[in-house]
Amino acid sequence: MRYKGIIASILETSTEIYELSDPTLNSLLNSVNIKHGYDLKKLVEDNPSYIVLINGKNIDLSKHTNTQLADGTQLEVIATIAGGCC
């Protein structure tokens, strides 16, 4: 699991590895919530500036929570909005 942008700062990490007894996207998101107390699923669903990639492919989280994750699957949560000035 990789986090980029502000989400990495919020969770205080940019990379984590999870071993799941139920290797689904929903199980992974629940594990993140348990570990960090932060609901990534709700964040992504409520805020279009976040995207989720599974092995580099953008997914609609609300439609793929039951997706099975194979061993070695790379999941990224990315904040697509960046600040800055001219």
PDB file of N, CA and C in Angstrom:
ATOM      1  N   MET A   1       0.860  -1.152   0.000  1.00  0.00           N
ATOM      2  CA  MET A   1       0.000   0.000   0.000  1.00  0.00           C
ATOM      3  C   MET A   1       0.909   1.217   0.000  1.00  0.00           C
ATOM      4  N   ARG A   2       0.611   2.151  -0.919  1.00  0.00           N
ATOM      5  CA  ARG A   2       1.385   3.390  -0.991  1.00  0.00           C
ATOM      6  C   ARG A   2       0.448   4.573  -0.897  1.00  0.00           C
ATOM      7  N   TYR A   3       0.913   5.588  -0.204  1.00  0.00           N
ATOM      8  CA  TYR A   3       0.150   6.815  -0.049  1.00  0.00           C
ATOM      9  C   TYR A   3       0.988   7.959  -0.609  1.00  0.00           C
ATOM     10  N   LYS A   4       0.341   8.828  -1.363  1.00  0.00           N
ATOM     11  CA  LYS A   4       1.049   9.978  -1.929  1.00  0.00           C
ATOM     12  C   LYS A   4       0.287  11.246  -1.634  1.00  0.00           C
ATOM     13  N   GLY A   5       1.025  12.332  -1.472  1.00  0.00           N
ATOM     14  CA  GLY A   5       0.400  13.617  -1.199  1.00  0.00           C
ATOM     15  C   GLY A   5       0.054  13.745   0.269  1.00  0.00           C
ATOM     16  N   ILE A   6      -0.959  14.523   0.538  1.00  0.00           N
ATOM     17  CA  ILE A   6      -1.353  14.849   1.910  1.00  0.00           C
ATOM     18  C   ILE A   6      -1.723  13.616   2.731  1.00  0.00           C
ATOM     19  N   ILE A   7      -2.234  12.588   2.078  1.00  0.00           N
ATOM     20  CA  ILE A   7      -2.631  11.385   2.816  1.00  0.00           C
ATOM     21  C   ILE A   7      -1.418  10.722   3.476  1.00  0.00           C
ATOM     22  N   ALA A   8      -0.245  10.786   2.832  1.00  0.00           N
ATOM     23  CA  ALA A   8       0.980  10.245   3.436  1.00  0.00           C
ATOM     24  C   ALA A   8       1.331  11.020   4.703  1.00  0.00           C
ATOM     25  N   SER A   9       1.116  12.322   4.672  1.00  0.00           N
ATOM     26  CA  SER A   9       1.372  13.139   5.868  1.00  0.00           C
ATOM     27  C   SER A   9       0.383  12.829   6.979  1.00  0.00           C
ATOM     28  N   ILE A  10      -0.881  12.672   6.625  1.00  0.00           N
ATOM     29  CA  ILE A  10      -1.918  12.381   7.615  1.00  0.00           C
ATOM     30  C   ILE A  10      -1.643  11.046   8.309  1.00  0.00           C
ATOM     31  N   LEU A  11      -1.294  10.025   7.513  1.00  0.00           N
ATOM     32  CA  LEU A  11      -1.055   8.691   8.076  1.00  0.00           C
ATOM     33  C   LEU A  11       0.368   8.521   8.598  1.00  0.00           C
ATOM     34  N   GLU A  12       1.224   9.521   8.343  1.00  0.00           N
ATOM     35  CA  GLU A  12       2.618   9.516   8.766  1.00  0.00           C
ATOM     36  C   GLU A  12       3.408   8.349   8.198  1.00  0.00           C
ATOM     37  N   THR A  13       3.071   7.959   6.981  1.00  0.00           N
ATOM     38  CA  THR A  13       3.812   6.922   6.265  1.00  0.00           C
ATOM     39  C   THR A  13       3.496   7.029   4.780  1.00  0.00           C
ATOM     40  N   SER A  14       4.407   6.564   3.954  1.00  0.00           N
ATOM     41  CA  SER A  14       4.129   6.545   2.519  1.00  0.00           C
ATOM     42  C   SER A  14       3.994   5.124   1.975  1.00  0.00           C
ATOM     43  N   THR A  15       4.415   4.141   2.768  1.00  0.00           N
ATOM     44  CA  THR A  15       4.358   2.751   2.314  1.00  0.00           C
ATOM     45  C   THR A  15       4.057   1.822   3.492  1.00  0.00           C
ATOM     46  N   GLU A  16       3.181   0.861   3.257  1.00  0.00           N
ATOM     47  CA  GLU A  16       2.870  -0.163   4.250  1.00  0.00           C
ATOM     48  C   GLU A  16       2.624  -1.485   3.546  1.00  0.00           C
ATOM     49  N   ILE A  17       2.860  -2.552   4.267  1.00  0.00           N
ATOM     50  CA  ILE A  17       2.557  -3.885   3.761  1.00  0.00           C
ATOM     51  C   ILE A  17       1.545  -4.519   4.710  1.00  0.00           C
ATOM     52  N   TYR A  18       0.499  -5.071   4.137  1.00  0.00           N
ATOM     53  CA  TYR A  18      -0.537  -5.739   4.922  1.00  0.00           C
ATOM     54  C   TYR A  18      -0.640  -7.195   4.485  1.00  0.00           C
ATOM     55  N   GLU A  19      -0.795  -8.093   5.453  1.00  0.00           N
ATOM     56  CA  GLU A  19      -1.100  -9.492   5.179  1.00  0.00           C
ATOM     57  C   GLU A  19      -2.539  -9.704   5.614  1.00  0.00           C
ATOM     58  N   LEU A  20      -3.367 -10.146   4.678  1.00  0.00           N
ATOM     59  CA  LEU A  20      -4.805 -10.240   4.917  1.00  0.00           C
ATOM     60  C   LEU A  20      -5.280 -11.685   4.874  1.00  0.00           C
ATOM     61  N   SER A  21      -6.127 -12.052   5.827  1.00  0.00           N
ATOM     62  CA  SER A  21      -6.729 -13.386   5.777  1.00  0.00           C
ATOM     63  C   SER A  21      -7.835 -13.420   4.728  1.00  0.00           C
ATOM     64  N   ASP A  22      -8.467 -12.276   4.488  1.00  0.00           N
ATOM     65  CA  ASP A  22      -9.488 -12.114   3.445  1.00  0.00           C
ATOM     66  C   ASP A  22      -8.945 -11.070   2.463  1.00  0.00           C
ATOM     67  N   PRO A  23      -8.256 -11.513   1.408  1.00  0.00           N
ATOM     68  CA  PRO A  23      -7.561 -10.560   0.530  1.00  0.00           C
ATOM     69  C   PRO A  23      -8.484  -9.819  -0.448  1.00  0.00           C
ATOM     70  N   THR A  24      -9.329  -8.959   0.112  1.00  0.00           N
ATOM     71  CA  THR A  24     -10.189  -8.114  -0.716  1.00  0.00           C
ATOM     72  C   THR A  24      -9.827  -6.658  -0.447  1.00  0.00           C
ATOM     73  N   LEU A  25     -10.225  -5.802  -1.357  1.00  0.00           N
ATOM     74  CA  LEU A  25      -9.982  -4.381  -1.188  1.00  0.00           C
ATOM     75  C   LEU A  25     -10.669  -3.872   0.081  1.00  0.00           C
ATOM     76  N   ASN A  26     -11.875  -4.319   0.323  1.00  0.00           N
ATOM     77  CA  ASN A  26     -12.607  -3.903   1.513  1.00  0.00           C
ATOM     78  C   ASN A  26     -11.864  -4.298   2.791  1.00  0.00           C
ATOM     79  N   SER A  27     -11.333  -5.498   2.826  1.00  0.00           N
ATOM     80  CA  SER A  27     -10.568  -5.963   3.983  1.00  0.00           C
ATOM     81  C   SER A  27      -9.318  -5.104   4.185  1.00  0.00           C
ATOM     82  N   LEU A  28      -8.646  -4.760   3.102  1.00  0.00           N
ATOM     83  CA  LEU A  28      -7.461  -3.912   3.190  1.00  0.00           C
ATOM     84  C   LEU A  28      -7.815  -2.538   3.748  1.00  0.00           C
ATOM     85  N   LEU A  29      -8.889  -1.947   3.233  1.00  0.00           N
ATOM     86  CA  LEU A  29      -9.312  -0.629   3.711  1.00  0.00           C
ATOM     87  C   LEU A  29      -9.712  -0.682   5.179  1.00  0.00           C
ATOM     88  N   ASN A  30     -10.358  -1.762   5.602  1.00  0.00           N
ATOM     89  CA  ASN A  30     -10.702  -1.931   7.015  1.00  0.00           C
ATOM     90  C   ASN A  30      -9.441  -2.047   7.877  1.00  0.00           C
ATOM     91  N   SER A  31      -8.424  -2.725   7.364  1.00  0.00           N
ATOM     92  CA  SER A  31      -7.165  -2.865   8.095  1.00  0.00           C
ATOM     93  C   SER A  31      -6.482  -1.515   8.279  1.00  0.00           C
ATOM     94  N   VAL A  32      -6.537  -0.677   7.253  1.00  0.00           N
ATOM     95  CA  VAL A  32      -5.968   0.676   7.359  1.00  0.00           C
ATOM     96  C   VAL A  32      -6.730   1.463   8.423  1.00  0.00           C
ATOM     97  N   ASN A  33      -8.050   1.354   8.402  1.00  0.00           N
ATOM     98  CA  ASN A  33      -8.886   2.057   9.371  1.00  0.00           C
ATOM     99  C   ASN A  33      -8.559   1.612  10.796  1.00  0.00           C
ATOM    100  N   ILE A  34      -8.396   0.318  11.002  1.00  0.00           N
ATOM    101  CA  ILE A  34      -8.066  -0.210  12.328  1.00  0.00           C
ATOM    102  C   ILE A  34      -6.693   0.286  12.780  1.00  0.00           C
ATOM    103  N   LYS A  35      -5.729   0.254  11.880  1.00  0.00           N
ATOM    104  CA  LYS A  35      -4.365   0.640  12.238  1.00  0.00           C
ATOM    105  C   LYS A  35      -4.231   2.138  12.507  1.00  0.00           C
ATOM    106  N   HIS A  36      -4.854   2.955  11.648  1.00  0.00           N
ATOM    107  CA  HIS A  36      -4.649   4.401  11.716  1.00  0.00           C
ATOM    108  C   HIS A  36      -5.855   5.177  12.258  1.00  0.00           C
ATOM    109  N   GLY A  37      -7.013   4.513  12.346  1.00  0.00           N
ATOM    110  CA  GLY A  37      -8.217   5.227  12.760  1.00  0.00           C
ATOM    111  C   GLY A  37      -8.669   6.222  11.706  1.00  0.00           C
ATOM    112  N   TYR A  38      -8.408   5.893  10.443  1.00  0.00           N
ATOM    113  CA  TYR A  38      -8.709   6.806   9.344  1.00  0.00           C
ATOM    114  C   TYR A  38      -9.443   6.042   8.251  1.00  0.00           C
ATOM    115  N   ASP A  39     -10.625   6.478   7.890  1.00  0.00           N
ATOM    116  CA  ASP A  39     -11.464   5.781   6.916  1.00  0.00           C
ATOM    117  C   ASP A  39     -11.135   6.234   5.493  1.00  0.00           C
ATOM    118  N   LEU A  40     -10.188   5.533   4.861  1.00  0.00           N
ATOM    119  CA  LEU A  40      -9.788   5.887   3.491  1.00  0.00           C
ATOM    120  C   LEU A  40     -10.927   5.749   2.497  1.00  0.00           C
ATOM    121  N   LYS A  41     -11.764   4.741   2.692  1.00  0.00           N
ATOM    122  CA  LYS A  41     -12.879   4.532   1.768  1.00  0.00           C
ATOM    123  C   LYS A  41     -13.796   5.753   1.764  1.00  0.00           C
ATOM    124  N   LYS A  42     -14.156   6.226   2.929  1.00  0.00           N
ATOM    125  CA  LYS A  42     -15.021   7.401   3.020  1.00  0.00           C
ATOM    126  C   LYS A  42     -14.324   8.633   2.448  1.00  0.00           C
ATOM    127  N   LEU A  43     -13.056   8.807   2.762  1.00  0.00           N
ATOM    128  CA  LEU A  43     -12.301   9.942   2.238  1.00  0.00           C
ATOM    129  C   LEU A  43     -12.333   9.971   0.714  1.00  0.00           C
ATOM    130  N   VAL A  44     -12.045   8.843   0.098  1.00  0.00           N
ATOM    131  CA  VAL A  44     -11.991   8.772  -1.361  1.00  0.00           C
ATOM    132  C   VAL A  44     -13.379   8.937  -1.973  1.00  0.00           C
ATOM    133  N   GLU A  45     -14.367   8.302  -1.377  1.00  0.00           N
ATOM    134  CA  GLU A  45     -15.720   8.407  -1.924  1.00  0.00           C
ATOM    135  C   GLU A  45     -16.289   9.815  -1.779  1.00  0.00           C
ATOM    136  N   ASP A  46     -15.928  10.522  -0.704  1.00  0.00           N
ATOM    137  CA  ASP A  46     -16.460  11.861  -0.455  1.00  0.00           C
ATOM    138  C   ASP A  46     -15.661  12.975  -1.130  1.00  0.00           C
ATOM    139  N   ASN A  47     -14.481  12.654  -1.617  1.00  0.00           N
ATOM    140  CA  ASN A  47     -13.595  13.688  -2.144  1.00  0.00           C
ATOM    141  C   ASN A  47     -13.001  13.266  -3.483  1.00  0.00           C
ATOM    142  N   PRO A  48     -13.448  13.863  -4.583  1.00  0.00           N
ATOM    143  CA  PRO A  48     -12.961  13.455  -5.898  1.00  0.00           C
ATOM    144  C   PRO A  48     -11.498  13.813  -6.171  1.00  0.00           C
ATOM    145  N   SER A  49     -10.849  14.520  -5.254  1.00  0.00           N
ATOM    146  CA  SER A  49      -9.443  14.849  -5.472  1.00  0.00           C
ATOM    147  C   SER A  49      -8.516  13.694  -5.075  1.00  0.00           C
ATOM    148  N   TYR A  50      -9.083  12.588  -4.589  1.00  0.00           N
ATOM    149  CA  TYR A  50      -8.302  11.395  -4.274  1.00  0.00           C
ATOM    150  C   TYR A  50      -8.630  10.303  -5.276  1.00  0.00           C
ATOM    151  N   ILE A  51      -7.597   9.585  -5.695  1.00  0.00           N
ATOM    152  CA  ILE A  51      -7.815   8.439  -6.581  1.00  0.00           C
ATOM    153  C   ILE A  51      -7.155   7.207  -5.970  1.00  0.00           C
ATOM    154  N   VAL A  52      -7.658   6.051  -6.366  1.00  0.00           N
ATOM    155  CA  VAL A  52      -7.112   4.779  -5.923  1.00  0.00           C
ATOM    156  C   VAL A  52      -6.662   4.016  -7.159  1.00  0.00           C
ATOM    157  N   LEU A  53      -5.432   3.527  -7.108  1.00  0.00           N
ATOM    158  CA  LEU A  53      -4.882   2.727  -8.200  1.00  0.00           C
ATOM    159  C   LEU A  53      -4.592   1.325  -7.685  1.00  0.00           C
ATOM    160  N   ILE A  54      -4.994   0.328  -8.462  1.00  0.00           N
ATOM    161  CA  ILE A  54      -4.605  -1.052  -8.191  1.00  0.00           C
ATOM    162  C   ILE A  54      -3.700  -1.471  -9.331  1.00  0.00           C
ATOM    163  N   ASN A  55      -2.456  -1.762  -8.981  1.00  0.00           N
ATOM    164  CA  ASN A  55      -1.427  -2.102  -9.982  1.00  0.00           C
ATOM    165  C   ASN A  55      -1.390  -1.078 -11.110  1.00  0.00           C
ATOM    166  N   GLY A  56      -1.507   0.197 -10.742  1.00  0.00           N
ATOM    167  CA  GLY A  56      -1.398   1.295 -11.698  1.00  0.00           C
ATOM    168  C   GLY A  56      -2.672   1.655 -12.437  1.00  0.00           C
ATOM    169  N   LYS A  57      -3.755   0.919 -12.204  1.00  0.00           N
ATOM    170  CA  LYS A  57      -5.013   1.175 -12.898  1.00  0.00           C
ATOM    171  C   LYS A  57      -5.993   1.888 -11.970  1.00  0.00           C
ATOM    172  N   ASN A  58      -6.490   3.039 -12.411  1.00  0.00           N
ATOM    173  CA  ASN A  58      -7.452   3.823 -11.634  1.00  0.00           C
ATOM    174  C   ASN A  58      -8.760   3.042 -11.503  1.00  0.00           C
ATOM    175  N   ILE A  59      -9.284   2.965 -10.283  1.00  0.00           N
ATOM    176  CA  ILE A  59     -10.533   2.245 -10.068  1.00  0.00           C
ATOM    177  C   ILE A  59     -11.542   3.148  -9.384  1.00  0.00           C
ATOM    178  N   ASP A  60     -12.802   2.819  -9.567  1.00  0.00           N
ATOM    179  CA  ASP A  60     -13.900   3.466  -8.848  1.00  0.00           C
ATOM    180  C   ASP A  60     -14.098   2.657  -7.569  1.00  0.00           C
ATOM    181  N   LEU A  61     -13.658   3.215  -6.478  1.00  0.00           N
ATOM    182  CA  LEU A  61     -13.654   2.494  -5.208  1.00  0.00           C
ATOM    183  C   LEU A  61     -15.032   1.974  -4.821  1.00  0.00           C
ATOM    184  N   SER A  62     -16.082   2.756  -5.086  1.00  0.00           N
ATOM    185  CA  SER A  62     -17.428   2.344  -4.684  1.00  0.00           C
ATOM    186  C   SER A  62     -17.901   1.091  -5.420  1.00  0.00           C
ATOM    187  N   LYS A  63     -17.301   0.793  -6.561  1.00  0.00           N
ATOM    188  CA  LYS A  63     -17.721  -0.372  -7.347  1.00  0.00           C
ATOM    189  C   LYS A  63     -16.786  -1.570  -7.203  1.00  0.00           C
ATOM    190  N   HIS A  64     -15.666  -1.402  -6.502  1.00  0.00           N
ATOM    191  CA  HIS A  64     -14.660  -2.464  -6.477  1.00  0.00           C
ATOM    192  C   HIS A  64     -14.246  -2.922  -5.083  1.00  0.00           C
ATOM    193  N   THR A  65     -15.037  -2.668  -4.067  1.00  0.00           N
ATOM    194  CA  THR A  65     -14.608  -3.042  -2.718  1.00  0.00           C
ATOM    195  C   THR A  65     -14.497  -4.549  -2.523  1.00  0.00           C
ATOM    196  N   ASN A  66     -15.191  -5.334  -3.318  1.00  0.00           N
ATOM    197  CA  ASN A  66     -15.099  -6.790  -3.203  1.00  0.00           C
ATOM    198  C   ASN A  66     -14.014  -7.388  -4.100  1.00  0.00           C
ATOM    199  N   THR A  67     -13.245  -6.542  -4.751  1.00  0.00           N
ATOM    200  CA  THR A  67     -12.161  -7.002  -5.620  1.00  0.00           C
ATOM    201  C   THR A  67     -11.168  -7.842  -4.830  1.00  0.00           C
ATOM    202  N   GLN A  68     -10.868  -9.021  -5.355  1.00  0.00           N
ATOM    203  CA  GLN A  68      -9.865  -9.885  -4.738  1.00  0.00           C
ATOM    204  C   GLN A  68      -8.477  -9.330  -5.045  1.00  0.00           C
ATOM    205  N   LEU A  69      -7.605  -9.354  -4.056  1.00  0.00           N
ATOM    206  CA  LEU A  69      -6.242  -8.852  -4.215  1.00  0.00           C
ATOM    207  C   LEU A  69      -5.277 -10.025  -4.187  1.00  0.00           C
ATOM    208  N   ALA A  70      -4.533 -10.178  -5.267  1.00  0.00           N
ATOM    209  CA  ALA A  70      -3.539 -11.243  -5.337  1.00  0.00           C
ATOM    210  C   ALA A  70      -2.319 -10.853  -4.511  1.00  0.00           C
ATOM    211  N   ASP A  71      -1.549 -11.842  -4.120  1.00  0.00           N
ATOM    212  CA  ASP A  71      -0.312 -11.589  -3.398  1.00  0.00           C
ATOM    213  C   ASP A  71       0.569 -10.649  -4.224  1.00  0.00           C
ATOM    214  N   GLY A  72       1.045  -9.595  -3.605  1.00  0.00           N
ATOM    215  CA  GLY A  72       1.911  -8.642  -4.305  1.00  0.00           C
ATOM    216  C   GLY A  72       1.181  -7.496  -4.990  1.00  0.00           C
ATOM    217  N   THR A  73      -0.148  -7.439  -4.857  1.00  0.00           N
ATOM    218  CA  THR A  73      -0.910  -6.348  -5.467  1.00  0.00           C
ATOM    219  C   THR A  73      -0.449  -5.013  -4.897  1.00  0.00           C
ATOM    220  N   GLN A  74      -0.246  -4.045  -5.788  1.00  0.00           N
ATOM    221  CA  GLN A  74       0.144  -2.701  -5.369  1.00  0.00           C
ATOM    222  C   GLN A  74      -1.084  -1.808  -5.373  1.00  0.00           C
ATOM    223  N   LEU A  75      -1.386  -1.217  -4.238  1.00  0.00           N
ATOM    224  CA  LEU A  75      -2.500  -0.289  -4.128  1.00  0.00           C
ATOM    225  C   LEU A  75      -1.944   1.071  -3.740  1.00  0.00           C
ATOM    226  N   GLU A  76      -2.388   2.114  -4.441  1.00  0.00           N
ATOM    227  CA  GLU A  76      -1.940   3.470  -4.144  1.00  0.00           C
ATOM    228  C   GLU A  76      -3.143   4.371  -3.918  1.00  0.00           C
ATOM    229  N   VAL A  77      -3.049   5.242  -2.935  1.00  0.00           N
ATOM    230  CA  VAL A  77      -4.039   6.278  -2.697  1.00  0.00           C
ATOM    231  C   VAL A  77      -3.311   7.596  -2.915  1.00  0.00           C
ATOM    232  N   ILE A  78      -3.826   8.385  -3.853  1.00  0.00           N
ATOM    233  CA  ILE A  78      -3.132   9.601  -4.273  1.00  0.00           C
ATOM    234  C   ILE A  78      -4.054  10.804  -4.174  1.00  0.00           C
ATOM    235  N   ALA A  79      -3.563  11.863  -3.559  1.00  0.00           N
ATOM    236  CA  ALA A  79      -4.252  13.144  -3.558  1.00  0.00           C
ATOM    237  C   ALA A  79      -3.813  13.869  -4.834  1.00  0.00           C
ATOM    238  N   THR A  80      -4.774  14.156  -5.702  1.00  0.00           N
ATOM    239  CA  THR A  80      -4.416  14.739  -7.004  1.00  0.00           C
ATOM    240  C   THR A  80      -4.326  16.247  -6.989  1.00  0.00           C
ATOM    241  N   ILE A  81      -4.726  16.865  -5.902  1.00  0.00           N
ATOM    242  CA  ILE A  81      -4.658  18.322  -5.822  1.00  0.00           C
ATOM    243  C   ILE A  81      -3.361  18.713  -5.131  1.00  0.00           C
ATOM    244  N   ALA A  82      -2.651  19.623  -5.764  1.00  0.00           N
ATOM    245  CA  ALA A  82      -1.423  20.149  -5.177  1.00  0.00           C
ATOM    246  C   ALA A  82      -1.532  21.656  -5.099  1.00  0.00           C
ATOM    247  N   GLY A  83      -1.027  22.210  -4.054  1.00  0.00           N
ATOM    248  CA  GLY A  83      -1.071  23.665  -3.892  1.00  0.00           C
ATOM    249  C   GLY A  83       0.181  24.314  -4.417  1.00  0.00           C
ATOM    250  N   GLY A  84       0.170  25.603  -4.427  1.00  0.00           N
ATOM    251  CA  GLY A  84       1.359  26.315  -4.867  1.00  0.00           C
ATOM    252  C   GLY A  84       0.961  27.683  -5.397  1.00  0.00           C
ATOM    253  N   CYS A  85       1.958  28.422  -5.684  1.00  0.00           N
ATOM    254  CA  CYS A  85       1.730  29.759  -6.207  1.00  0.00           C
ATOM    255  C   CYS A  85       2.576  29.998  -7.435  1.00  0.00           C
ATOM    256  N   CYS A  86       2.206  30.903  -8.185  1.00  0.00           N
ATOM    257  CA  CYS A  86       2.843  31.271  -9.446  1.00  0.00           C
ATOM    258  C   CYS A  86       4.318  31.160  -9.391  1.00  0.00           C
TER     259      CYS A  86
END
